[in-house]
């Protein structure tokens, strides 16, 4: 599914959906988080933080919250003591990652 179809397929018909998606993706860490989650396995918060080498947990929390609110990442609370949270990329998030890789490749900046 092309990226524009994904944006236009907003479940509530919000005309600002494209703006919200691009604003979220321009946040620090958003694409890196989705790339880490791309293999399809759920990761806990600290796993994501350590895999990205992040010390600023505030920016990580903000990015995860934004991604989850747009349905690009699924947040699951694991009933345990203390409660844990796992994050997993959604099919919409996978589409974003795939399109970002194509854009990067076309721009010649893919590693």
C-alpha atoms as a PDB file:
ATOM      1  CA  UNK A   1       0.000   0.000   0.000  1.00  0.00           C
ATOM      2  CA  UNK A   2       1.512   3.357  -0.976  1.00  0.00           C
ATOM      3  CA  UNK A   3       2.175   5.899   1.759  1.00  0.00           C
ATOM      4  CA  UNK A   4      -0.438   8.359   0.459  1.00  0.00           C
ATOM      5  CA  UNK A   5      -3.129   5.657   0.545  1.00  0.00           C
ATOM      6  CA  UNK A   6      -2.215   4.963   4.147  1.00  0.00           C
ATOM      7  CA  UNK A   7      -2.532   8.633   5.083  1.00  0.00           C
ATOM      8  CA  UNK A   8      -5.828   9.043   3.222  1.00  0.00           C
ATOM      9  CA  UNK A   9      -7.230   5.920   4.880  1.00  0.00           C
ATOM     10  CA  UNK A  10      -7.629   7.727   8.191  1.00  0.00           C
ATOM     11  CA  UNK A  11     -10.364   5.975  10.172  1.00  0.00           C
ATOM     12  CA  UNK A  12     -12.021   9.207  11.354  1.00  0.00           C
ATOM     13  CA  UNK A  13     -11.673  11.152   8.112  1.00  0.00           C
ATOM     14  CA  UNK A  14      -9.406  13.778   9.666  1.00  0.00           C
ATOM     15  CA  UNK A  15      -8.021  16.054   6.917  1.00  0.00           C
ATOM     16  CA  UNK A  16      -4.975  16.825   9.101  1.00  0.00           C
ATOM     17  CA  UNK A  17      -3.808  13.210   9.201  1.00  0.00           C
ATOM     18  CA  UNK A  18      -0.932  13.761   6.751  1.00  0.00           C
ATOM     19  CA  UNK A  19       0.300  16.686   8.818  1.00  0.00           C
ATOM     20  CA  UNK A  20       0.144  14.605  12.009  1.00  0.00           C
ATOM     21  CA  UNK A  21       2.023  11.687  10.436  1.00  0.00           C
ATOM     22  CA  UNK A  22       4.782  13.872   9.013  1.00  0.00           C
ATOM     23  CA  UNK A  23       5.084  15.819  12.256  1.00  0.00           C
ATOM     24  CA  UNK A  24       5.469  12.556  14.162  1.00  0.00           C
ATOM     25  CA  UNK A  25       8.014  11.193  11.691  1.00  0.00           C
ATOM     26  CA  UNK A  26      10.063  14.376  11.955  1.00  0.00           C
ATOM     27  CA  UNK A  27      10.411  13.861  15.710  1.00  0.00           C
ATOM     28  CA  UNK A  28      13.813  12.638  16.827  1.00  0.00           C
ATOM     29  CA  UNK A  29      13.947   8.846  17.088  1.00  0.00           C
ATOM     30  CA  UNK A  30      10.639   8.032  15.360  1.00  0.00           C
ATOM     31  CA  UNK A  31      12.082   6.290  12.305  1.00  0.00           C
ATOM     32  CA  UNK A  32      14.881   4.689  14.321  1.00  0.00           C
ATOM     33  CA  UNK A  33      12.321   3.220  16.728  1.00  0.00           C
ATOM     34  CA  UNK A  34      10.218   1.825  13.893  1.00  0.00           C
ATOM     35  CA  UNK A  35      13.337   0.379  12.240  1.00  0.00           C
ATOM     36  CA  UNK A  36      14.227  -1.434  15.472  1.00  0.00           C
ATOM     37  CA  UNK A  37      10.705  -2.844  15.679  1.00  0.00           C
ATOM     38  CA  UNK A  38      10.565  -3.791  11.997  1.00  0.00           C
ATOM     39  CA  UNK A  39      11.547  -7.430  12.415  1.00  0.00           C
ATOM     40  CA  UNK A  40       8.092  -7.919  13.920  1.00  0.00           C
ATOM     41  CA  UNK A  41       9.006  -8.798  17.460  1.00  0.00           C
ATOM     42  CA  UNK A  42       7.708  -6.859  20.426  1.00  0.00           C
ATOM     43  CA  UNK A  43      10.308  -4.995  22.461  1.00  0.00           C
ATOM     44  CA  UNK A  44      10.087  -3.580  25.934  1.00  0.00           C
ATOM     45  CA  UNK A  45      10.893   0.059  26.623  1.00  0.00           C
ATOM     46  CA  UNK A  46      14.374  -0.597  28.039  1.00  0.00           C
ATOM     47  CA  UNK A  47      15.247  -2.912  25.145  1.00  0.00           C
ATOM     48  CA  UNK A  48      14.431  -0.107  22.700  1.00  0.00           C
ATOM     49  CA  UNK A  49      16.325   2.441  24.794  1.00  0.00           C
ATOM     50  CA  UNK A  50      19.441   0.244  25.018  1.00  0.00           C
ATOM     51  CA  UNK A  51      19.358  -0.774  21.340  1.00  0.00           C
ATOM     52  CA  UNK A  52      19.333   2.901  20.342  1.00  0.00           C
ATOM     53  CA  UNK A  53      21.911   3.911  22.961  1.00  0.00           C
ATOM     54  CA  UNK A  54      19.604   6.584  24.376  1.00  0.00           C
ATOM     55  CA  UNK A  55      20.058   8.364  27.663  1.00  0.00           C
ATOM     56  CA  UNK A  56      17.283  10.937  27.213  1.00  0.00           C
ATOM     57  CA  UNK A  57      14.250   8.860  28.127  1.00  0.00           C
ATOM     58  CA  UNK A  58      11.921  11.843  27.754  1.00  0.00           C
ATOM     59  CA  UNK A  59      12.400  12.049  23.976  1.00  0.00           C
ATOM     60  CA  UNK A  60      12.017   8.270  23.639  1.00  0.00           C
ATOM     61  CA  UNK A  61       8.772   8.305  25.641  1.00  0.00           C
ATOM     62  CA  UNK A  62       7.444  11.230  23.598  1.00  0.00           C
ATOM     63  CA  UNK A  63       8.228   9.499  20.285  1.00  0.00           C
ATOM     64  CA  UNK A  64       6.704   6.175  21.390  1.00  0.00           C
ATOM     65  CA  UNK A  65       3.561   7.937  22.598  1.00  0.00           C
ATOM     66  CA  UNK A  66       3.187   9.795  19.286  1.00  0.00           C
ATOM     67  CA  UNK A  67       3.771   6.654  17.208  1.00  0.00           C
ATOM     68  CA  UNK A  68       1.223   4.712  19.270  1.00  0.00           C
ATOM     69  CA  UNK A  69      -1.380   7.490  19.017  1.00  0.00           C
ATOM     70  CA  UNK A  70      -1.160   7.359  15.211  1.00  0.00           C
ATOM     71  CA  UNK A  71      -1.388   3.564  15.124  1.00  0.00           C
ATOM     72  CA  UNK A  72       2.131   3.119  13.756  1.00  0.00           C
ATOM     73  CA  UNK A  73       3.270   1.259  16.869  1.00  0.00           C
ATOM     74  CA  UNK A  74       1.150  -0.924  19.124  1.00  0.00           C
ATOM     75  CA  UNK A  75       1.597  -0.487  22.877  1.00  0.00           C
ATOM     76  CA  UNK A  76       0.717  -3.494  25.031  1.00  0.00           C
ATOM     77  CA  UNK A  77       0.673  -3.468  28.825  1.00  0.00           C
ATOM     78  CA  UNK A  78       2.015  -6.721  30.229  1.00  0.00           C
ATOM     79  CA  UNK A  79       0.358  -7.624  33.527  1.00  0.00           C
ATOM     80  CA  UNK A  80       3.237  -8.126  35.909  1.00  0.00           C
ATOM     81  CA  UNK A  81       4.634  -6.562  39.050  1.00  0.00           C
ATOM     82  CA  UNK A  82       5.646  -3.889  38.268  1.00  0.00           C
ATOM     83  CA  UNK A  83       3.586  -3.520  35.081  1.00  0.00           C
ATOM     84  CA  UNK A  84       5.640  -3.699  31.893  1.00  0.00           C
ATOM     85  CA  UNK A  85       4.953  -2.332  28.429  1.00  0.00           C
ATOM     86  CA  UNK A  86       5.905  -3.865  25.090  1.00  0.00           C
ATOM     87  CA  UNK A  87       5.915  -2.117  21.723  1.00  0.00           C
ATOM     88  CA  UNK A  88       5.417  -3.684  18.316  1.00  0.00           C
ATOM     89  CA  UNK A  89       5.247  -2.144  14.856  1.00  0.00           C
ATOM     90  CA  UNK A  90       1.852  -2.272  13.127  1.00  0.00           C
ATOM     91  CA  UNK A  91       1.193  -2.947   9.457  1.00  0.00           C
ATOM     92  CA  UNK A  92       0.799   0.818   8.942  1.00  0.00           C
ATOM     93  CA  UNK A  93       4.168   1.381  10.620  1.00  0.00           C
ATOM     94  CA  UNK A  94       5.775  -1.226   8.347  1.00  0.00           C
ATOM     95  CA  UNK A  95       4.476   0.682   5.320  1.00  0.00           C
ATOM     96  CA  UNK A  96       6.098   3.876   6.647  1.00  0.00           C
ATOM     97  CA  UNK A  97       9.423   2.068   7.209  1.00  0.00           C
ATOM     98  CA  UNK A  98       9.334   0.558   3.709  1.00  0.00           C
ATOM     99  CA  UNK A  99       8.585   3.935   2.116  1.00  0.00           C
ATOM    100  CA  UNK A 100      11.291   5.666   4.177  1.00  0.00           C
ATOM    101  CA  UNK A 101      13.794   3.060   2.950  1.00  0.00           C
ATOM    102  CA  UNK A 102      12.760   3.707  -0.678  1.00  0.00           C
ATOM    103  CA  UNK A 103      13.108   7.464  -0.194  1.00  0.00           C
ATOM    104  CA  UNK A 104      16.515   7.020   1.441  1.00  0.00           C
ATOM    105  CA  UNK A 105      17.674   4.709  -1.335  1.00  0.00           C
ATOM    106  CA  UNK A 106      16.502   7.099  -4.034  1.00  0.00           C
ATOM    107  CA  UNK A 107      18.285   9.957  -2.289  1.00  0.00           C
ATOM    108  CA  UNK A 108      21.454   7.872  -2.109  1.00  0.00           C
ATOM    109  CA  UNK A 109      21.720   8.035   1.664  1.00  0.00           C
ATOM    110  CA  UNK A 110      20.969   4.426   2.547  1.00  0.00           C
ATOM    111  CA  UNK A 111      23.807   2.746   4.394  1.00  0.00           C
END
